[in-house]
Structures are given as structure tokens and as C-alpha cells.
PDB file of N, CA and C in Angstrom:
ATOM      1  N   UNK A   1      96.209 114.819  95.881  1.00  0.00           N
ATOM      2  CA  UNK A   1      97.502 114.107  96.075  1.00  0.00           C
ATOM      3  C   UNK A   1      98.580 115.130  96.548  1.00  0.00           C
ATOM      4  N   UNK A   2      99.469 114.744  97.452  1.00  0.00           N
ATOM      5  CA  UNK A   2     100.463 115.647  97.877  1.00  0.00           C
ATOM      6  C   UNK A   2     101.678 114.809  97.977  1.00  0.00           C
ATOM      7  N   UNK A   3     102.841 115.286  97.390  1.00  0.00           N
ATOM      8  CA  UNK A   3     104.106 114.692  97.449  1.00  0.00           C
ATOM      9  C   UNK A   3     105.195 115.754  97.829  1.00  0.00           C
ATOM     10  N   UNK A   4     105.815 115.477  99.007  1.00  0.00           N
ATOM     11  CA  UNK A   4     106.935 116.435  99.384  1.00  0.00           C
ATOM     12  C   UNK A   4     108.222 115.772  99.459  1.00  0.00           C
ATOM     13  N   UNK A   5     109.186 116.267  98.792  1.00  0.00           N
ATOM     14  CA  UNK A   5     110.589 115.576  98.799  1.00  0.00           C
ATOM     15  C   UNK A   5     111.557 116.571  99.105  1.00  0.00           C
ATOM     16  N   UNK A   6     112.582 116.259  99.954  1.00  0.00           N
ATOM     17  CA  UNK A   6     113.645 117.195 100.224  1.00  0.00           C
ATOM     18  C   UNK A   6     114.873 116.443 100.628  1.00  0.00           C
ATOM     19  N   UNK A   7     116.008 117.007 100.246  1.00  0.00           N
ATOM     20  CA  UNK A   7     117.283 116.525 100.613  1.00  0.00           C
ATOM     21  C   UNK A   7     118.002 117.804 101.134  1.00  0.00           C
ATOM     22  N   UNK A   8     119.308 117.646 101.297  1.00  0.00           N
ATOM     23  CA  UNK A   8     120.110 118.835 101.763  1.00  0.00           C
ATOM     24  C   UNK A   8     120.065 120.150 100.831  1.00  0.00           C
ATOM     25  N   UNK A   9     120.113 119.721  99.605  1.00  0.00           N
ATOM     26  CA  UNK A   9     120.274 120.864  98.565  1.00  0.00           C
ATOM     27  C   UNK A   9     119.099 120.956  97.625  1.00  0.00           C
ATOM     28  N   UNK A  10     118.053 120.107  97.710  1.00  0.00           N
ATOM     29  CA  UNK A  10     117.025 120.213  96.782  1.00  0.00           C
ATOM     30  C   UNK A  10     115.663 119.813  97.388  1.00  0.00           C
ATOM     31  N   UNK A  11     114.616 120.584  97.040  1.00  0.00           N
ATOM     32  CA  UNK A  11     113.346 120.448  97.677  1.00  0.00           C
ATOM     33  C   UNK A  11     112.317 120.478  96.523  1.00  0.00           C
ATOM     34  N   UNK A  12     111.216 119.637  96.750  1.00  0.00           N
ATOM     35  CA  UNK A  12     110.170 119.630  95.772  1.00  0.00           C
ATOM     36  C   UNK A  12     108.751 119.339  96.362  1.00  0.00           C
ATOM     37  N   UNK A  13     107.721 119.919  95.794  1.00  0.00           N
ATOM     38  CA  UNK A  13     106.321 119.794  96.157  1.00  0.00           C
ATOM     39  C   UNK A  13     105.531 119.534  94.983  1.00  0.00           C
ATOM     40  N   UNK A  14     104.784 118.440  94.987  1.00  0.00           N
ATOM     41  CA  UNK A  14     103.844 118.162  93.874  1.00  0.00           C
ATOM     42  C   UNK A  14     102.384 118.073  94.583  1.00  0.00           C
ATOM     43  N   UNK A  15     101.440 118.886  94.067  1.00  0.00           N
ATOM     44  CA  UNK A  15     100.146 119.013  94.550  1.00  0.00           C
ATOM     45  C   UNK A  15      99.182 119.001  93.424  1.00  0.00           C
ATOM     46  N   UNK A  16      98.080 118.102  93.618  1.00  0.00           N
ATOM     47  CA  UNK A  16      97.034 118.052  92.588  1.00  0.00           C
ATOM     48  C   UNK A  16      95.956 116.996  92.891  1.00  0.00           C
ATOM     49  N   UNK A  17      95.092 116.864  91.864  1.00  0.00           N
ATOM     50  CA  UNK A  17      93.933 115.963  92.028  1.00  0.00           C
ATOM     51  C   UNK A  17      93.561 115.330  90.782  1.00  0.00           C
ATOM     52  N   UNK A  18      93.008 114.189  90.876  1.00  0.00           N
ATOM     53  CA  UNK A  18      92.367 113.494  89.699  1.00  0.00           C
ATOM     54  C   UNK A  18      90.843 113.309  89.882  1.00  0.00           C
ATOM     55  N   UNK A  19      90.102 113.415  88.915  1.00  0.00           N
ATOM     56  CA  UNK A  19      88.715 112.940  88.921  1.00  0.00           C
ATOM     57  C   UNK A  19      88.534 111.685  88.214  1.00  0.00           C
ATOM     58  N   UNK A  20      87.912 110.680  88.731  1.00  0.00           N
ATOM     59  CA  UNK A  20      87.835 109.326  88.117  1.00  0.00           C
ATOM     60  C   UNK A  20      86.357 109.012  87.846  1.00  0.00           C
ATOM     61  N   UNK A  21      86.269 108.348  86.636  1.00  0.00           N
ATOM     62  CA  UNK A  21      84.853 107.862  86.339  1.00  0.00           C
ATOM     63  C   UNK A  21      84.948 106.327  86.067  1.00  0.00           C
ATOM     64  N   UNK A  22      84.262 105.506  86.728  1.00  0.00           N
ATOM     65  CA  UNK A  22      84.288 104.132  86.542  1.00  0.00           C
ATOM     66  C   UNK A  22      83.538 103.740  85.254  1.00  0.00           C
ATOM     67  N   UNK A  23      84.203 102.883  84.492  1.00  0.00           N
ATOM     68  CA  UNK A  23      83.708 102.474  83.157  1.00  0.00           C
ATOM     69  C   UNK A  23      83.445 101.135  83.019  1.00  0.00           C
ATOM     70  N   UNK A  24      84.154 100.293  83.678  1.00  0.00           N
ATOM     71  CA  UNK A  24      84.029  98.682  83.587  1.00  0.00           C
ATOM     72  C   UNK A  24      83.860  98.239  82.175  1.00  0.00           C
ATOM     73  N   UNK A  25      84.766  98.529  81.291  1.00  0.00           N
ATOM     74  CA  UNK A  25      84.691  98.127  79.900  1.00  0.00           C
ATOM     75  C   UNK A  25      85.925  97.102  79.620  1.00  0.00           C
ATOM     76  N   UNK A  26      85.519  95.780  79.407  1.00  0.00           N
ATOM     77  CA  UNK A  26      86.610  94.806  79.318  1.00  0.00           C
ATOM     78  C   UNK A  26      87.638  94.858  80.479  1.00  0.00           C
ATOM     79  N   UNK A  27      88.850  95.129  80.295  1.00  0.00           N
ATOM     80  CA  UNK A  27      89.795  95.238  81.398  1.00  0.00           C
ATOM     81  C   UNK A  27      90.008  96.649  81.810  1.00  0.00           C
ATOM     82  N   UNK A  28      89.414  97.647  81.170  1.00  0.00           N
ATOM     83  CA  UNK A  28      89.524  99.016  81.625  1.00  0.00           C
ATOM     84  C   UNK A  28      88.600  99.264  82.711  1.00  0.00           C
ATOM     85  N   UNK A  29      89.052  99.644  83.800  1.00  0.00           N
ATOM     86  CA  UNK A  29      88.280  99.916  84.973  1.00  0.00           C
ATOM     87  C   UNK A  29      87.740 101.311  85.156  1.00  0.00           C
ATOM     88  N   UNK A  30      88.514 102.315  84.767  1.00  0.00           N
ATOM     89  CA  UNK A  30      88.095 103.705  84.879  1.00  0.00           C
ATOM     90  C   UNK A  30      88.913 104.554  84.035  1.00  0.00           C
ATOM     91  N   UNK A  31      88.517 105.854  83.888  1.00  0.00           N
ATOM     92  CA  UNK A  31      89.215 106.917  83.242  1.00  0.00           C
ATOM     93  C   UNK A  31      89.390 108.060  84.300  1.00  0.00           C
ATOM     94  N   UNK A  32      90.467 108.797  83.973  1.00  0.00           N
ATOM     95  CA  UNK A  32      90.733 109.868  84.952  1.00  0.00           C
ATOM     96  C   UNK A  32      91.300 111.111  84.279  1.00  0.00           C
ATOM     97  N   UNK A  33      91.093 112.284  84.846  1.00  0.00           N
ATOM     98  CA  UNK A  33      91.570 113.551  84.333  1.00  0.00           C
ATOM     99  C   UNK A  33      91.872 114.354  85.562  1.00  0.00           C
ATOM    100  N   UNK A  34      92.978 115.157  85.479  1.00  0.00           N
ATOM    101  CA  UNK A  34      93.354 115.995  86.714  1.00  0.00           C
ATOM    102  C   UNK A  34      94.424 117.078  86.264  1.00  0.00           C
ATOM    103  N   UNK A  35      94.791 117.687  87.318  1.00  0.00           N
ATOM    104  CA  UNK A  35      95.790 118.756  87.091  1.00  0.00           C
ATOM    105  C   UNK A  35      96.670 118.769  88.361  1.00  0.00           C
ATOM    106  N   UNK A  36      97.942 118.982  88.121  1.00  0.00           N
ATOM    107  CA  UNK A  36      99.026 118.961  89.188  1.00  0.00           C
ATOM    108  C   UNK A  36      99.906 120.225  89.052  1.00  0.00           C
ATOM    109  N   UNK A  37     100.453 120.569  90.101  1.00  0.00           N
ATOM    110  CA  UNK A  37     101.389 121.741  90.318  1.00  0.00           C
ATOM    111  C   UNK A  37     102.704 121.373  91.056  1.00  0.00           C
ATOM    112  N   UNK A  38     103.810 121.589  90.300  1.00  0.00           N
ATOM    113  CA  UNK A  38     105.113 121.316  90.920  1.00  0.00           C
ATOM    114  C   UNK A  38     105.821 122.654  91.378  1.00  0.00           C
ATOM    115  N   UNK A  39     106.301 122.652  92.549  1.00  0.00           N
ATOM    116  CA  UNK A  39     106.884 123.803  93.030  1.00  0.00           C
ATOM    117  C   UNK A  39     108.266 123.464  93.878  1.00  0.00           C
ATOM    118  N   UNK A  40     109.225 124.113  93.708  1.00  0.00           N
ATOM    119  CA  UNK A  40     110.415 124.004  94.436  1.00  0.00           C
ATOM    120  C   UNK A  40     110.582 125.072  95.578  1.00  0.00           C
ATOM    121  N   UNK A  41     110.639 124.625  96.840  1.00  0.00           N
ATOM    122  CA  UNK A  41     110.712 125.493  97.906  1.00  0.00           C
ATOM    123  C   UNK A  41     111.984 126.499  97.667  1.00  0.00           C
ATOM    124  N   UNK A  42     111.695 127.782  97.869  1.00  0.00           N
ATOM    125  CA  UNK A  42     112.739 128.726  97.653  1.00  0.00           C
ATOM    126  C   UNK A  42     113.010 129.093  96.257  1.00  0.00           C
ATOM    127  N   UNK A  43     112.230 128.474  95.351  1.00  0.00           N
ATOM    128  CA  UNK A  43     112.347 128.902  93.956  1.00  0.00           C
ATOM    129  C   UNK A  43     110.939 129.453  93.545  1.00  0.00           C
ATOM    130  N   UNK A  44     110.773 129.845  92.231  1.00  0.00           N
ATOM    131  CA  UNK A  44     109.522 130.231  91.744  1.00  0.00           C
ATOM    132  C   UNK A  44     108.687 128.945  91.375  1.00  0.00           C
ATOM    133  N   UNK A  45     107.492 129.159  90.996  1.00  0.00           N
ATOM    134  CA  UNK A  45     106.713 128.032  90.435  1.00  0.00           C
ATOM    135  C   UNK A  45     107.443 127.334  89.335  1.00  0.00           C
ATOM    136  N   UNK A  46     107.410 126.033  89.384  1.00  0.00           N
ATOM    137  CA  UNK A  46     108.194 125.235  88.421  1.00  0.00           C
ATOM    138  C   UNK A  46     107.350 124.740  87.237  1.00  0.00           C
ATOM    139  N   UNK A  47     106.233 124.158  87.557  1.00  0.00           N
ATOM    140  CA  UNK A  47     105.495 123.492  86.441  1.00  0.00           C
ATOM    141  C   UNK A  47     104.021 123.320  86.830  1.00  0.00           C
ATOM    142  N   UNK A  48     103.161 123.301  85.714  1.00  0.00           N
ATOM    143  CA  UNK A  48     101.737 122.949  85.957  1.00  0.00           C
ATOM    144  C   UNK A  48     101.504 121.836  84.896  1.00  0.00           C
ATOM    145  N   UNK A  49     100.851 120.750  85.218  1.00  0.00           N
ATOM    146  CA  UNK A  49     100.718 119.684  84.305  1.00  0.00           C
ATOM    147  C   UNK A  49      99.380 119.074  84.374  1.00  0.00           C
ATOM    148  N   UNK A  50      98.542 119.083  83.271  1.00  0.00           N
ATOM    149  CA  UNK A  50      97.232 118.420  83.196  1.00  0.00           C
ATOM    150  C   UNK A  50      97.564 116.927  82.854  1.00  0.00           C
ATOM    151  N   UNK A  51      96.727 116.026  83.370  1.00  0.00           N
ATOM    152  CA  UNK A  51      96.899 114.561  83.108  1.00  0.00           C
ATOM    153  C   UNK A  51      95.644 114.003  82.696  1.00  0.00           C
ATOM    154  N   UNK A  52      95.743 112.931  81.829  1.00  0.00           N
ATOM    155  CA  UNK A  52      94.562 112.149  81.430  1.00  0.00           C
ATOM    156  C   UNK A  52      94.997 110.656  81.353  1.00  0.00           C
ATOM    157  N   UNK A  53      94.174 109.814  81.766  1.00  0.00           N
ATOM    158  CA  UNK A  53      94.647 108.366  81.708  1.00  0.00           C
ATOM    159  C   UNK A  53      93.588 107.345  81.969  1.00  0.00           C
ATOM    160  N   UNK A  54      93.919 106.161  82.170  1.00  0.00           N
ATOM    161  CA  UNK A  54      92.933 105.066  82.527  1.00  0.00           C
ATOM    162  C   UNK A  54      93.621 103.978  83.296  1.00  0.00           C
ATOM    163  N   UNK A  55      92.805 103.176  83.832  1.00  0.00           N
ATOM    164  CA  UNK A  55      93.389 102.016  84.588  1.00  0.00           C
ATOM    165  C   UNK A  55      92.954 100.726  83.760  1.00  0.00           C
ATOM    166  N   UNK A  56      93.978 100.000  83.290  1.00  0.00           N
ATOM    167  CA  UNK A  56      93.684  98.818  82.414  1.00  0.00           C
ATOM    168  C   UNK A  56      94.340  97.593  83.337  1.00  0.00           C
ATOM    169  N   UNK A  57      93.410  96.689  83.720  1.00  0.00           N
ATOM    170  CA  UNK A  57      93.790  95.543  84.542  1.00  0.00           C
ATOM    171  C   UNK A  57      94.561  96.066  85.782  1.00  0.00           C
ATOM    172  N   UNK A  58      95.766  95.758  85.858  1.00  0.00           N
ATOM    173  CA  UNK A  58      96.551  96.165  87.081  1.00  0.00           C
ATOM    174  C   UNK A  58      97.585  97.371  86.659  1.00  0.00           C
ATOM    175  N   UNK A  59      97.267  97.946  85.579  1.00  0.00           N
ATOM    176  CA  UNK A  59      98.227  99.076  85.133  1.00  0.00           C
ATOM    177  C   UNK A  59      97.381 100.291  85.127  1.00  0.00           C
ATOM    178  N   UNK A  60      97.992 101.417  85.629  1.00  0.00           N
ATOM    179  CA  UNK A  60      97.474 102.794  85.619  1.00  0.00           C
ATOM    180  C   UNK A  60      98.317 103.451  84.613  1.00  0.00           C
ATOM    181  N   UNK A  61      97.738 103.940  83.545  1.00  0.00           N
ATOM    182  CA  UNK A  61      98.513 104.541  82.398  1.00  0.00           C
ATOM    183  C   UNK A  61      98.033 106.086  82.312  1.00  0.00           C
ATOM    184  N   UNK A  62      99.027 106.950  82.326  1.00  0.00           N
ATOM    185  CA  UNK A  62      98.536 108.439  82.188  1.00  0.00           C
ATOM    186  C   UNK A  62      99.525 109.070  81.250  1.00  0.00           C
ATOM    187  N   UNK A  63      98.930 110.183  80.700  1.00  0.00           N
ATOM    188  CA  UNK A  63      99.672 111.012  79.696  1.00  0.00           C
ATOM    189  C   UNK A  63      99.480 112.363  80.220  1.00  0.00           C
ATOM    190  N   UNK A  64     100.547 113.134  80.450  1.00  0.00           N
ATOM    191  CA  UNK A  64     100.388 114.600  80.810  1.00  0.00           C
ATOM    192  C   UNK A  64     101.219 115.471  79.960  1.00  0.00           C
ATOM    193  N   UNK A  65     100.957 116.763  79.901  1.00  0.00           N
ATOM    194  CA  UNK A  65     101.784 117.646  79.290  1.00  0.00           C
ATOM    195  C   UNK A  65     102.269 118.687  80.347  1.00  0.00           C
ATOM    196  N   UNK A  66     103.547 118.654  80.428  1.00  0.00           N
ATOM    197  CA  UNK A  66     104.292 119.432  81.489  1.00  0.00           C
ATOM    198  C   UNK A  66     104.595 120.833  80.953  1.00  0.00           C
ATOM    199  N   UNK A  67     103.819 121.866  81.513  1.00  0.00           N
ATOM    200  CA  UNK A  67     104.042 123.260  81.110  1.00  0.00           C
ATOM    201  C   UNK A  67     105.104 123.790  82.153  1.00  0.00           C
ATOM    202  N   UNK A  68     106.385 123.925  81.706  1.00  0.00           N
ATOM    203  CA  UNK A  68     107.385 124.493  82.404  1.00  0.00           C
ATOM    204  C   UNK A  68     107.195 125.995  82.502  1.00  0.00           C
ATOM    205  N   UNK A  69     107.162 126.435  83.773  1.00  0.00           N
ATOM    206  CA  UNK A  69     107.011 127.950  83.887  1.00  0.00           C
ATOM    207  C   UNK A  69     108.170 128.610  84.690  1.00  0.00           C
ATOM    208  N   UNK A  70     109.219 127.858  84.936  1.00  0.00           N
ATOM    209  CA  UNK A  70     110.275 128.349  85.763  1.00  0.00           C
ATOM    210  C   UNK A  70     111.302 128.914  84.741  1.00  0.00           C
ATOM    211  N   UNK A  71     112.255 129.720  85.265  1.00  0.00           N
ATOM    212  CA  UNK A  71     113.391 130.303  84.462  1.00  0.00           C
ATOM    213  C   UNK A  71     114.405 129.135  84.153  1.00  0.00           C
ATOM    214  N   UNK A  72     114.354 128.058  84.835  1.00  0.00           N
ATOM    215  CA  UNK A  72     115.289 127.004  84.675  1.00  0.00           C
ATOM    216  C   UNK A  72     115.302 126.458  83.254  1.00  0.00           C
ATOM    217  N   UNK A  73     114.287 126.427  82.524  1.00  0.00           N
ATOM    218  CA  UNK A  73     114.173 125.993  81.153  1.00  0.00           C
ATOM    219  C   UNK A  73     114.274 126.998  80.073  1.00  0.00           C
ATOM    220  N   UNK A  74     114.694 128.241  80.447  1.00  0.00           N
ATOM    221  CA  UNK A  74     114.643 129.295  79.425  1.00  0.00           C
ATOM    222  C   UNK A  74     115.545 129.037  78.176  1.00  0.00           C
ATOM    223  N   UNK A  75     116.608 128.206  78.291  1.00  0.00           N
ATOM    224  CA  UNK A  75     117.453 127.946  77.137  1.00  0.00           C
ATOM    225  C   UNK A  75     117.078 126.724  76.395  1.00  0.00           C
ATOM    226  N   UNK A  76     115.952 126.101  76.874  1.00  0.00           N
ATOM    227  CA  UNK A  76     115.506 124.822  76.213  1.00  0.00           C
ATOM    228  C   UNK A  76     114.356 125.224  75.212  1.00  0.00           C
ATOM    229  N   UNK A  77     114.382 124.407  74.132  1.00  0.00           N
ATOM    230  CA  UNK A  77     113.235 124.617  73.079  1.00  0.00           C
ATOM    231  C   UNK A  77     112.812 123.215  72.668  1.00  0.00           C
ATOM    232  N   UNK A  78     111.627 122.720  72.960  1.00  0.00           N
ATOM    233  CA  UNK A  78     110.512 123.418  73.599  1.00  0.00           C
ATOM    234  C   UNK A  78     110.738 123.443  75.146  1.00  0.00           C
ATOM    235  N   UNK A  79     110.166 124.354  75.816  1.00  0.00           N
ATOM    236  CA  UNK A  79     110.141 124.355  77.325  1.00  0.00           C
ATOM    237  C   UNK A  79     109.235 123.393  77.955  1.00  0.00           C
ATOM    238  N   UNK A  80     108.311 122.904  77.226  1.00  0.00           N
ATOM    239  CA  UNK A  80     107.431 121.989  77.851  1.00  0.00           C
ATOM    240  C   UNK A  80     107.348 120.731  77.036  1.00  0.00           C
ATOM    241  N   UNK A  81     106.755 119.588  77.670  1.00  0.00           N
ATOM    242  CA  UNK A  81     106.945 118.311  76.973  1.00  0.00           C
ATOM    243  C   UNK A  81     105.848 117.411  77.391  1.00  0.00           C
ATOM    244  N   UNK A  82     105.508 116.305  76.611  1.00  0.00           N
ATOM    245  CA  UNK A  82     104.629 115.272  76.923  1.00  0.00           C
ATOM    246  C   UNK A  82     105.420 114.270  77.830  1.00  0.00           C
ATOM    247  N   UNK A  83     104.671 113.757  78.754  1.00  0.00           N
ATOM    248  CA  UNK A  83     105.246 112.660  79.646  1.00  0.00           C
ATOM    249  C   UNK A  83     104.298 111.508  79.725  1.00  0.00           C
ATOM    250  N   UNK A  84     104.721 110.354  79.801  1.00  0.00           N
ATOM    251  CA  UNK A  84     103.892 109.025  79.921  1.00  0.00           C
ATOM    252  C   UNK A  84     104.276 108.377  81.192  1.00  0.00           C
ATOM    253  N   UNK A  85     103.257 108.006  81.974  1.00  0.00           N
ATOM    254  CA  UNK A  85     103.545 107.250  83.111  1.00  0.00           C
ATOM    255  C   UNK A  85     102.807 105.854  83.143  1.00  0.00           C
ATOM    256  N   UNK A  86     103.405 104.826  83.494  1.00  0.00           N
ATOM    257  CA  UNK A  86     102.805 103.522  83.697  1.00  0.00           C
ATOM    258  C   UNK A  86     103.081 102.966  85.088  1.00  0.00           C
ATOM    259  N   UNK A  87     102.025 102.660  85.798  1.00  0.00           N
ATOM    260  CA  UNK A  87     102.177 102.256  87.243  1.00  0.00           C
ATOM    261  C   UNK A  87     101.660 100.845  87.315  1.00  0.00           C
ATOM    262  N   UNK A  88     102.400  99.864  87.776  1.00  0.00           N
ATOM    263  CA  UNK A  88     101.826  98.484  87.967  1.00  0.00           C
ATOM    264  C   UNK A  88     101.495  98.352  89.390  1.00  0.00           C
ATOM    265  N   UNK A  89     100.350  97.830  89.699  1.00  0.00           N
ATOM    266  CA  UNK A  89      99.907  97.520  91.089  1.00  0.00           C
ATOM    267  C   UNK A  89      99.773  95.937  91.116  1.00  0.00           C
ATOM    268  N   UNK A  90     100.656  95.285  91.900  1.00  0.00           N
ATOM    269  CA  UNK A  90     100.783  93.909  92.053  1.00  0.00           C
ATOM    270  C   UNK A  90      99.792  93.491  92.987  1.00  0.00           C
ATOM    271  N   UNK A  91      99.640  92.193  93.265  1.00  0.00           N
ATOM    272  CA  UNK A  91      98.694  91.622  94.071  1.00  0.00           C
ATOM    273  C   UNK A  91      99.098  91.852  95.605  1.00  0.00           C
ATOM    274  N   UNK A  92      98.116  92.166  96.426  1.00  0.00           N
ATOM    275  CA  UNK A  92      98.331  92.542  97.756  1.00  0.00           C
ATOM    276  C   UNK A  92      98.694  91.317  98.559  1.00  0.00           C
ATOM    277  N   UNK A  93      99.540  91.364  99.554  1.00  0.00           N
ATOM    278  CA  UNK A  93      99.946  90.243 100.415  1.00  0.00           C
ATOM    279  C   UNK A  93      99.167  90.423 101.797  1.00  0.00           C
ATOM    280  N   UNK A  94      98.301  91.383 101.921  1.00  0.00           N
ATOM    281  CA  UNK A  94      97.586  91.708 103.112  1.00  0.00           C
ATOM    282  C   UNK A  94      96.354  90.644 103.144  1.00  0.00           C
ATOM    283  N   UNK A  95      96.023  90.127 104.258  1.00  0.00           N
ATOM    284  CA  UNK A  95      95.039  89.242 104.517  1.00  0.00           C
ATOM    285  C   UNK A  95      93.748  89.819 104.199  1.00  0.00           C
ATOM    286  N   UNK A  96      92.876  89.179 103.454  1.00  0.00           N
ATOM    287  CA  UNK A  96      91.516  89.587 103.101  1.00  0.00           C
ATOM    288  C   UNK A  96      90.565  89.256 104.224  1.00  0.00           C
ATOM    289  N   UNK A  97      90.765  88.118 105.005  1.00  0.00           N
ATOM    290  CA  UNK A  97      89.815  87.784 106.026  1.00  0.00           C
ATOM    291  C   UNK A  97      90.579  87.023 107.047  1.00  0.00           C
ATOM    292  N   UNK A  98      90.101  86.864 108.326  1.00  0.00           N
ATOM    293  CA  UNK A  98      90.726  86.029 109.327  1.00  0.00           C
ATOM    294  C   UNK A  98      89.712  85.083 109.837  1.00  0.00           C
ATOM    295  N   UNK A  99      90.071  84.070 110.394  1.00  0.00           N
ATOM    296  CA  UNK A  99      89.252  83.070 110.999  1.00  0.00           C
ATOM    297  C   UNK A  99      89.571  82.922 112.503  1.00  0.00           C
ATOM    298  N   UNK A 100      88.564  82.847 113.249  1.00  0.00           N
ATOM    299  CA  UNK A 100      88.749  82.615 114.739  1.00  0.00           C
ATOM    300  C   UNK A 100      88.107  81.289 115.046  1.00  0.00           C
ATOM    301  N   UNK A 101      89.041  80.315 115.397  1.00  0.00           N
ATOM    302  CA  UNK A 101      88.427  78.982 115.688  1.00  0.00           C
ATOM    303  C   UNK A 101      87.553  79.015 116.973  1.00  0.00           C
ATOM    304  N   UNK A 102      86.486  78.333 116.901  1.00  0.00           N
ATOM    305  CA  UNK A 102      85.486  78.245 117.951  1.00  0.00           C
ATOM    306  C   UNK A 102      85.623  76.744 118.517  1.00  0.00           C
ATOM    307  N   UNK A 103      85.747  76.751 119.834  1.00  0.00           N
ATOM    308  CA  UNK A 103      85.952  75.386 120.519  1.00  0.00           C
ATOM    309  C   UNK A 103      84.707  74.520 120.423  1.00  0.00           C
ATOM    310  N   UNK A 104      83.453  75.167 120.231  1.00  0.00           N
ATOM    311  CA  UNK A 104      82.239  74.334 120.129  1.00  0.00           C
ATOM    312  C   UNK A 104      82.141  73.554 118.907  1.00  0.00           C
ATOM    313  N   UNK A 105      82.663  73.942 117.786  1.00  0.00           N
ATOM    314  CA  UNK A 105      82.544  73.242 116.542  1.00  0.00           C
ATOM    315  C   UNK A 105      83.808  72.586 116.047  1.00  0.00           C
TER     316      UNK A 105
END
């Protein structure tokens, strides 16, 4: 995964990967584990965060621990923290198939 964001005064890069294993248990579809790196252009390395999670029905639920490595959080205690993400994927509006009428039938 690669995410690059920038505005006039702020830039951010998130780079990482997940490994997934299909489990098909009730509404649980898979489990995943991965690691990501966040960096601000023109700054030092900002954070490293491992993630673990699962896909349940149409929800992707992840838990990660954000290891803050920049000097930005030097006055914070603790410097690192747990983060929870919940992503909902709705039904697709894309056509799954198309038909082409045939004049013979």
C-alpha cells in the first residue's frame, strides 16, 4: 500500500503491506497482519506501526500500535499509542454482467 498526501505546508507518505489468510469462519472472511511506515517529506522518520486485524462481513477491523519515532512527540507521554480502524465496504454499484440482445432469439 502506498498513500501520498500533500498540501502547501504539509506532506505525508504512508508505505506498508499486509499479509492475509482466508479463514471463512462464520462471517469472518480473513485475518491479516502487516507493518507500515509513515514519513513526512522534509522531516525525519515519523512512525512505524504494525497492524493486525480481520474482515467481518462488510467491515475491515484493524488494531495497530503507533511507534512514534519523530521529535514531534518528545514532550508527550506516552509517545506511542494504540489505534483502532473500522472500514465499511458497501455494496458495489458496478454491473456484474451485461447482456447483449440477439435478433435471432
